[in-house]
Protein backbone atom coordinates (compact mmCIF):
# COMPACT_ATOMS: atom_id res chain seq x y z
CA MET A 1 94.98 -29.17 75.96
CA THR A 2 92.70 -26.17 75.93
CA ALA A 3 90.64 -25.56 72.78
CA TYR A 4 90.89 -22.13 71.27
CA GLU A 5 87.69 -20.21 71.77
CA ILE A 6 86.56 -17.72 69.18
CA ARG A 7 85.23 -14.63 70.89
CA PRO A 8 82.09 -12.73 69.81
CA LYS A 9 84.22 -9.80 68.51
CA GLN A 10 86.13 -12.17 66.24
CA LEU A 11 82.89 -13.76 65.10
CA ARG A 12 81.48 -10.33 64.26
CA ALA A 13 84.60 -9.54 62.21
CA LEU A 14 84.15 -12.86 60.40
CA LEU A 15 80.49 -12.03 59.82
CA LEU A 16 81.48 -8.68 58.30
CA LEU A 17 83.95 -10.47 56.01
CA LEU A 18 81.26 -12.91 54.94
CA VAL A 19 79.08 -9.95 53.98
CA LEU A 20 81.82 -8.03 52.12
CA VAL A 21 83.90 -10.80 50.52
CA PRO A 22 81.11 -12.04 48.17
CA LEU A 23 81.06 -8.57 46.63
CA ILE A 24 84.52 -9.23 45.14
CA PRO A 25 83.60 -12.29 43.01
CA ILE A 26 80.30 -10.64 42.11
CA ALA A 27 82.14 -7.51 40.89
CA LEU A 28 84.66 -9.66 39.00
CA MET A 29 81.84 -11.67 37.47
CA ALA A 30 80.08 -8.48 36.36
CA ARG A 31 83.32 -7.16 34.85
CA PHE A 32 83.97 -10.47 33.09
CA MET A 33 80.44 -10.55 31.67
CA SER A 34 80.76 -6.97 30.46
CA ASP A 35 84.08 -7.74 28.77
CA MET A 36 82.64 -10.87 27.16
CA VAL A 37 79.68 -8.94 25.79
CA LYS A 38 82.03 -6.31 24.35
CA ALA A 39 84.22 -9.02 22.83
CA ASP A 40 81.21 -10.71 21.29
CA ARG A 41 80.07 -7.40 19.86
CA VAL A 42 83.48 -6.78 18.31
CA GLU A 43 83.49 -10.30 16.90
CA ALA A 44 79.98 -9.84 15.50
CA ILE A 45 81.02 -6.57 13.83
CA ALA A 46 84.11 -8.24 12.36
CA LYS A 47 82.04 -11.10 10.95
CA LEU A 48 79.49 -8.68 9.54
CA GLN A 49 82.25 -6.57 7.99
CA GLN A 50 83.79 -9.65 6.38
CA MET A 51 80.43 -10.74 5.03
CA GLN A 52 79.67 -7.30 3.59
CA ALA A 53 83.16 -7.01 2.11
CA ASP A 54 82.81 -10.40 0.39
CA ARG A 55 79.36 -9.47 -0.89
CA LEU A 56 80.52 -6.07 -2.18
CA THR A 57 83.50 -7.69 -3.92
CA THR A 58 81.25 -10.24 -5.61
CA VAL A 59 78.77 -7.59 -6.73
CA LEU A 60 81.46 -5.27 -8.12
CA ARG A 61 83.09 -8.12 -10.06
CA SER A 62 79.82 -8.82 -11.80
CA THR A 63 79.20 -5.16 -12.58
CA PRO A 64 79.93 -4.02 -16.18
CA GLU A 65 81.91 -0.93 -16.92
CA PHE A 66 79.86 2.27 -16.88
CA GLU A 67 79.94 4.91 -19.55
CA GLY A 68 78.65 8.43 -19.50
CA ALA A 69 78.62 11.12 -16.85
CA PRO A 70 80.09 10.03 -13.50
CA ALA A 71 76.92 11.04 -11.65
CA ASP A 72 74.71 8.90 -13.88
CA SER A 73 77.11 5.96 -13.73
CA ALA A 74 77.30 6.28 -9.94
CA ALA A 75 73.50 6.31 -9.69
CA ARG A 76 73.23 3.12 -11.79
CA LEU A 77 75.94 1.46 -9.72
CA HIS A 78 74.17 2.48 -6.53
CA ALA A 79 70.92 0.92 -7.75
CA HIS A 80 72.75 -2.24 -8.79
CA ILE A 81 74.43 -2.68 -5.37
CA ARG A 82 71.17 -1.91 -3.58
CA GLU A 83 69.60 -4.97 -5.18
CA PHE A 84 72.04 -7.22 -3.32
CA SER A 85 72.42 -5.36 0.00
CA ASP A 86 70.46 -5.36 3.25
CA PRO A 87 68.09 -2.50 4.19
CA SER A 88 70.30 -1.78 7.18
CA ILE A 89 73.25 -0.97 4.90
CA ALA A 90 73.81 2.52 3.49
CA ILE A 91 75.76 2.87 0.21
CA ARG A 92 78.06 5.76 -0.69
CA ILE A 93 79.97 6.18 -3.92
CA LEU A 94 82.80 8.71 -3.89
CA ASP A 95 85.07 9.99 -6.69
CA ASP A 96 88.82 10.05 -6.51
CA LYS A 97 88.72 13.34 -4.62
CA GLY A 98 86.33 12.02 -1.95
CA ARG A 99 83.29 13.85 -3.27
CA LEU A 100 79.93 12.12 -3.03
CA LEU A 101 78.63 10.91 -6.37
CA ALA A 102 75.66 8.85 -5.20
CA GLY A 103 74.13 7.43 -2.08
CA ASP A 104 73.64 8.53 1.50
CA ASP A 105 75.48 11.72 2.43
CA SER A 106 75.18 11.03 6.19
CA LYS A 107 78.41 10.50 8.10
CA ASN A 108 76.76 8.27 10.72
CA GLY A 109 77.09 4.50 10.91
CA GLN A 110 79.72 1.80 11.21
CA LEU A 111 81.91 1.30 8.11
CA MET A 112 81.38 -2.26 6.92
CA ALA A 113 83.27 -2.44 3.62
CA GLN A 114 85.14 -0.32 1.09
CA GLU A 115 86.22 -1.28 -2.43
CA ARG A 116 87.47 0.49 -5.56
CA ALA A 117 84.70 1.45 -8.00
CA PRO A 118 84.58 -0.25 -11.42
CA LYS A 119 86.69 1.05 -14.26
CA GLY A 120 85.26 4.07 -15.99
CA LEU A 121 83.87 5.45 -12.74
CA GLY A 122 86.84 5.79 -10.42
CA GLY A 123 86.69 6.48 -6.73
CA VAL A 124 85.45 4.05 -4.05
CA VAL A 125 82.29 2.34 -2.92
CA GLN A 126 81.55 2.31 0.83
CA LEU A 127 78.99 0.33 2.83
CA PHE A 128 77.85 1.65 6.21
CA LEU A 129 75.73 0.00 8.89
CA THR A 130 72.97 2.47 9.81
CA GLN A 131 71.00 0.20 12.18
CA PRO A 132 73.22 -0.86 15.15
CA GLU A 133 70.41 -3.05 16.51
CA VAL A 134 71.42 -5.59 13.87
CA ILE A 135 74.59 -6.20 15.85
CA ASP A 136 72.66 -6.24 19.13
CA ASP A 137 70.36 -8.89 17.69
CA ALA A 138 73.38 -10.91 16.62
CA VAL A 139 74.80 -11.03 20.16
CA SER A 140 71.52 -11.02 22.11
CA GLY A 141 71.40 -14.81 22.45
CA GLN A 142 74.93 -15.00 23.86
CA ARG A 143 74.23 -12.00 26.08
CA ARG A 144 71.21 -13.79 27.57
CA ILE A 145 73.40 -16.81 28.32
CA TYR A 146 75.96 -14.58 30.06
CA ILE A 147 73.26 -12.82 32.08
CA ALA A 148 71.68 -16.13 33.13
CA THR A 149 75.08 -17.62 34.03
CA GLY A 150 76.14 -14.49 35.90
CA SER A 151 72.84 -14.28 37.76
CA PHE A 152 73.00 -17.94 38.76
CA THR A 153 76.62 -17.60 39.90
CA THR A 154 75.82 -14.45 41.85
CA LEU A 155 72.85 -16.07 43.55
CA LEU A 156 74.95 -19.13 44.37
CA VAL A 157 77.70 -16.99 45.90
CA LEU A 158 75.13 -15.00 47.89
CA ALA A 159 73.40 -18.18 49.04
CA ILE A 160 76.67 -19.71 50.24
CA ALA A 161 77.73 -16.47 51.91
CA GLY A 162 74.26 -16.03 53.42
CA THR A 163 74.28 -19.55 54.84
CA ALA A 164 77.74 -19.02 56.30
CA ALA A 165 76.71 -15.63 57.68
CA MET A 166 73.60 -17.12 59.29
CA THR A 167 75.74 -19.85 60.85
CA VAL A 168 78.21 -17.31 62.23
CA SER A 169 75.37 -15.06 63.39
CA ARG A 170 73.76 -18.00 65.18
CA GLN A 171 77.10 -18.82 66.78
CA ILE A 172 77.38 -15.21 67.97
CA ARG A 173 73.91 -15.41 69.51
CA LEU A 174 74.74 -18.75 71.13
CA GLN A 175 77.94 -17.40 72.64
CA GLU A 176 76.21 -14.27 73.86
CA LEU A 177 73.40 -16.43 75.23
CA GLN A 178 75.94 -18.65 76.95
CA ASN A 179 77.72 -15.66 78.46
CA THR A 180 74.40 -14.20 79.57
CA SER A 181 73.21 -17.48 81.03
CA VAL A 182 76.44 -17.93 83.01
CA ALA A 183 76.14 -14.42 84.44
CA ILE A 184 72.47 -14.90 85.29
CA VAL A 185 73.05 -18.30 86.87
CA ALA A 186 75.89 -16.89 88.97
CA HIS A 187 73.72 -14.00 90.10
CA GLU A 188 70.60 -16.05 90.79
CA LEU A 189 72.50 -18.71 92.74
CA ARG A 190 74.57 -16.24 94.68
CA THR A 191 71.61 -14.41 96.21
CA PRO A 192 69.82 -17.38 97.86
CA LEU A 193 73.12 -19.04 98.76
CA ALA A 194 74.29 -15.87 100.51
CA SER A 195 70.99 -15.62 102.39
CA MET A 196 71.12 -19.27 103.44
CA ARG A 197 74.76 -18.93 104.49
CA MET A 198 73.93 -15.95 106.68
CA LEU A 199 70.93 -17.66 108.29
CA VAL A 200 72.81 -20.91 108.88
CA ASP A 201 75.73 -19.05 110.46
CA THR A 202 73.30 -17.19 112.70
CA LEU A 203 71.69 -20.44 113.85
CA ARG A 204 75.03 -22.21 114.35
CA GLU A 205 76.23 -19.37 116.56
CA GLY A 206 72.97 -19.37 118.54
CA ARG A 207 72.20 -15.76 117.74
CA TYR A 208 68.42 -15.99 117.80
CA ARG A 209 65.76 -15.11 120.35
CA GLY A 210 63.56 -18.01 121.23
CA GLU A 211 61.68 -20.71 119.39
CA GLN A 212 59.62 -18.31 117.27
CA GLN A 213 62.66 -16.62 115.71
CA LEU A 214 64.25 -20.03 115.13
CA ARG A 215 61.13 -21.08 113.26
CA GLU A 216 61.22 -17.88 111.19
CA TYR A 217 64.84 -18.48 110.24
CA LEU A 218 64.13 -22.08 109.26
CA ASP A 219 61.17 -20.92 107.16
CA LEU A 220 63.43 -18.41 105.41
CA ILE A 221 66.00 -21.13 104.72
CA ALA A 222 63.26 -23.36 103.34
CA GLY A 223 62.06 -20.53 101.13
CA GLU A 224 65.56 -19.89 99.76
CA ASN A 225 65.99 -23.63 99.23
CA GLU A 226 62.72 -23.67 97.23
CA ARG A 227 63.99 -20.73 95.21
CA LEU A 228 67.17 -22.64 94.38
CA ARG A 229 65.08 -25.66 93.41
CA ARG A 230 62.98 -23.57 91.00
CA ILE A 231 66.09 -22.03 89.41
CA ALA A 232 67.72 -25.43 88.95
CA GLU A 233 64.50 -26.95 87.62
CA ASN A 234 64.05 -24.17 85.08
CA PHE A 235 67.62 -24.49 83.81
CA LEU A 236 67.40 -28.27 83.57
CA THR A 237 64.03 -28.09 81.81
CA PHE A 238 65.25 -25.49 79.34
CA SER A 239 68.44 -27.46 78.68
CA ARG A 240 66.39 -30.56 77.91
CA LEU A 241 64.00 -28.64 75.65
CA ASP A 242 66.84 -26.88 73.83
CA ARG A 243 68.95 -29.99 73.34
CA GLN A 244 66.36 -32.61 72.45
CA GLY A 245 63.25 -30.69 71.51
CA TYR A 246 60.08 -31.50 73.39
CA ALA A 247 57.59 -34.25 72.70
CA VAL A 248 54.51 -34.89 74.79
CA VAL A 249 52.37 -37.97 75.22
CA PRO A 250 48.97 -36.30 75.60
CA THR A 251 46.19 -37.81 77.66
CA PRO A 252 42.79 -36.38 78.66
CA VAL A 253 43.56 -34.05 81.58
CA PRO A 254 40.86 -32.20 83.58
CA PRO A 255 41.80 -28.49 83.53
CA HIS A 256 40.87 -28.15 87.21
CA ASP A 257 43.33 -30.87 88.23
CA ALA A 258 46.21 -29.38 86.22
CA ALA A 259 45.49 -25.90 87.65
CA ALA A 260 45.29 -27.22 91.22
CA HIS A 261 48.57 -29.06 90.74
CA ALA A 262 50.18 -25.84 89.42
CA ILE A 263 49.36 -23.77 92.53
CA ALA A 264 50.23 -26.54 95.01
CA SER A 265 53.88 -25.46 95.24
CA LEU A 266 52.95 -21.76 95.27
CA HIS A 267 50.49 -21.74 98.16
CA ALA A 268 52.92 -20.12 100.59
CA ARG A 269 53.53 -17.18 98.27
CA LEU A 270 49.91 -16.87 97.16
CA ASP A 271 48.68 -16.90 100.77
CA ALA A 272 51.21 -14.29 101.90
CA PRO A 273 49.94 -10.95 103.26
CA GLY A 274 49.22 -8.43 100.52
CA CYS A 275 48.41 -11.08 97.91
CA ALA A 276 44.83 -11.59 96.73
CA PHE A 277 44.62 -14.72 94.59
CA THR A 278 41.53 -15.76 92.62
CA PHE A 279 41.13 -19.36 91.45
CA ALA A 280 38.36 -19.65 88.86
CA VAL A 281 38.83 -22.98 87.07
CA PRO A 282 35.48 -24.84 87.07
CA GLU A 283 35.55 -28.59 87.56
CA SER A 284 32.92 -28.88 84.79
CA LEU A 285 35.35 -27.90 82.03
CA PRO A 286 35.98 -30.61 79.41
CA PRO A 287 39.37 -32.41 79.60
CA VAL A 288 42.21 -31.13 77.44
CA ARG A 289 44.71 -33.14 75.41
CA ALA A 290 47.89 -32.56 77.40
CA ASP A 291 50.63 -33.85 79.66
CA ARG A 292 49.43 -33.06 83.17
CA ASP A 293 52.78 -32.17 84.72
CA SER A 294 53.86 -30.08 81.74
CA LEU A 295 50.59 -28.14 81.68
CA ALA A 296 50.90 -27.57 85.43
CA GLN A 297 54.43 -26.25 84.90
CA VAL A 298 53.14 -23.81 82.27
CA LEU A 299 50.53 -22.41 84.66
CA ALA A 300 52.97 -22.37 87.59
CA ASN A 301 55.53 -20.42 85.55
CA LEU A 302 52.91 -17.86 84.54
CA ILE A 303 51.76 -17.42 88.13
CA ASP A 304 55.36 -17.19 89.33
CA ASN A 305 55.94 -14.53 86.68
CA ALA A 306 52.89 -12.62 87.92
CA LEU A 307 54.15 -12.78 91.51
CA LYS A 308 57.54 -11.50 90.44
CA TYR A 309 56.30 -8.47 88.52
CA THR A 310 53.60 -7.21 90.89
CA GLY A 311 54.13 -4.81 93.75
CA ASP A 312 53.33 -5.11 97.46
CA GLU A 313 49.59 -5.28 96.80
CA LYS A 314 49.22 -8.24 94.49
CA ARG A 315 46.00 -9.15 92.69
CA ILE A 316 46.46 -12.33 90.71
CA ALA A 317 43.84 -14.57 89.11
CA LEU A 318 43.93 -17.95 87.38
CA ARG A 319 40.86 -18.48 85.24
CA ALA A 320 39.79 -20.97 82.58
CA ARG A 321 36.95 -21.23 80.09
CA ALA A 322 36.01 -23.48 77.18
CA GLU A 323 35.82 -21.81 73.79
CA ALA A 324 36.07 -23.01 70.17
CA GLU A 325 37.28 -26.59 70.78
CA ALA A 326 39.88 -25.44 73.30
CA VAL A 327 40.25 -24.48 76.94
CA HIS A 328 41.63 -20.99 77.50
CA PHE A 329 43.71 -20.62 80.68
CA SER A 330 44.41 -17.02 81.64
CA VAL A 331 46.69 -15.60 84.34
CA GLU A 332 45.93 -11.99 85.21
CA ASP A 333 47.94 -9.62 87.39
CA ASN A 334 48.12 -5.97 88.38
CA GLY A 335 51.86 -5.73 87.80
CA ILE A 336 54.15 -3.35 85.95
CA GLY A 337 52.89 -4.38 82.53
CA ILE A 338 54.86 -4.98 79.35
CA PRO A 339 55.80 -2.30 76.79
CA PRO A 340 54.49 -3.10 73.27
CA ASP A 341 58.00 -3.38 71.81
CA GLN A 342 58.91 -6.18 74.26
CA ARG A 343 55.85 -8.42 74.02
CA ARG A 344 57.56 -10.76 71.58
CA ALA A 345 60.99 -10.62 73.18
CA ILE A 346 59.75 -11.73 76.63
CA PHE A 347 59.39 -15.27 75.28
CA GLU A 348 63.08 -15.41 74.31
CA PRO A 349 65.50 -17.19 76.67
CA PHE A 350 67.06 -15.03 79.41
CA HIS A 351 65.07 -11.95 78.40
CA GLN A 352 63.80 -9.89 81.32
CA LEU A 353 62.13 -6.54 81.56
CA ASP A 354 64.88 -5.56 83.99
CA GLN A 355 68.13 -6.45 82.23
CA LYS A 356 70.51 -5.32 84.97
CA LEU A 357 72.13 -8.03 87.05
CA SER A 358 71.48 -5.85 90.08
CA ARG A 359 67.74 -6.05 89.46
CA SER A 360 65.56 -6.36 92.53
CA ARG A 361 63.36 -9.10 91.08
CA GLU A 362 64.56 -12.68 91.14
CA GLY A 363 64.35 -14.93 88.13
CA SER A 364 66.43 -16.56 85.42
CA GLY A 365 64.49 -15.25 82.43
CA LEU A 366 63.61 -18.78 81.34
CA GLY A 367 60.07 -19.13 82.63
CA LEU A 368 58.24 -17.71 79.61
CA ALA A 369 60.64 -19.33 77.14
CA ILE A 370 59.82 -22.72 78.69
CA VAL A 371 56.10 -21.90 78.64
CA ARG A 372 56.14 -21.08 74.93
CA ARG A 373 57.96 -24.29 73.98
CA ILE A 374 55.70 -26.53 76.06
CA VAL A 375 52.54 -24.86 74.74
CA LYS A 376 53.80 -25.20 71.16
CA ALA A 377 54.50 -28.91 71.74
CA HIS A 378 50.87 -29.31 72.82
CA GLY A 379 49.64 -27.73 69.59
CA GLY A 380 48.44 -24.77 71.61
CA GLU A 381 48.94 -21.04 71.54
CA ILE A 382 49.99 -18.38 74.05
CA THR A 383 49.12 -14.69 73.80
CA VAL A 384 49.65 -11.69 76.03
CA ALA A 385 47.62 -8.53 76.53
CA SER A 386 49.18 -5.82 78.64
CA GLU A 387 49.16 -2.15 79.48
CA PRO A 388 52.24 -0.65 81.15
CA GLY A 389 51.51 0.21 84.75
CA LYS A 390 48.18 -1.65 84.82
CA GLY A 391 49.09 -5.31 84.56
CA SER A 392 49.09 -8.18 82.09
CA VAL A 393 46.96 -11.12 81.00
CA PHE A 394 48.66 -14.23 79.63
CA THR A 395 46.29 -16.62 77.86
CA VAL A 396 47.15 -20.22 76.98
CA LYS A 397 44.92 -22.13 74.58
CA ILE A 398 45.05 -25.96 74.78
CA PRO A 399 42.92 -28.17 72.48
CA ILE A 400 40.09 -30.15 74.04
CA ALA A 401 40.65 -33.93 74.14
């Protein structure tokens, strides 16, 4: 039974949904909170109206009948009600025809209560709320609870969606990385295999001229075999690092020994015509705290990278110096250099300056990724200085033992 594989396009659609879908509950939450605040405000107004109506009724029941001119009676009634009302309440006393007898003549404010005026005066008594902040103060506590609850819920939804989006995004990168790695492996294996197949067929058919050409063909086959070994070793090393992490058991390692071990498998390429190699690692340097084979692999990968990205006239140097409780190994070359915007990306798996599968330079794009992980496991640091067209200098800092 074949498992269904989700393709990167489907994952991207899912990622888009994970970004957009949380907006729906957030919008609903905002609408719900707004409606709740409005409902609380209406309820607060209703309670305040009931309270003012009860108070006005009580005050009017205890008010004696007024005699004399309506204006004077209205003024006395206004003063009497004012004694029992809040400063935020405006009082208006109207006659039977709706004309103002006493109180505030402003039409602004929320009507809180209205009752008939006492006998002998006629008309009505109205109470208006002139300070709406009283209502805001009444619902402010509940509003803060809604805002806190809404904010927490929104953050929770965003956190869940963000975590899911990061997971999907990581899955997209993994699938793209897998697709890239398969394509690169196929390309890198095909080239040396095709060369070896052609050379072996030539030798089997006896199409060579003398012992010297036979030796040249065998050397070419050996070189392609070494290239296959390096590719396989890099993929196996990266797979182990990626799957299990990387832990080292450091011991005191002389820098000169690790450097000499690194170039042992590269002598044929470093001694080739057109290559000037400088080895400047003094034997007097203090030992570093490292795994010898791993440190040698770091230096070998850096030198291999320098060989790959230099032209016909290669000038490569491996140097080391002690500085600030660490030994600094540097690999210099006169290659094509690295643009500033790619100096971080070159340490990512399968990243190459030449991204085309038809590139002329061999390599799996894993060398520098392996270097960075091994150096990090040693508690060290790797930096690069480069100028396009003039070469690069990779520096690895490993603590002294």
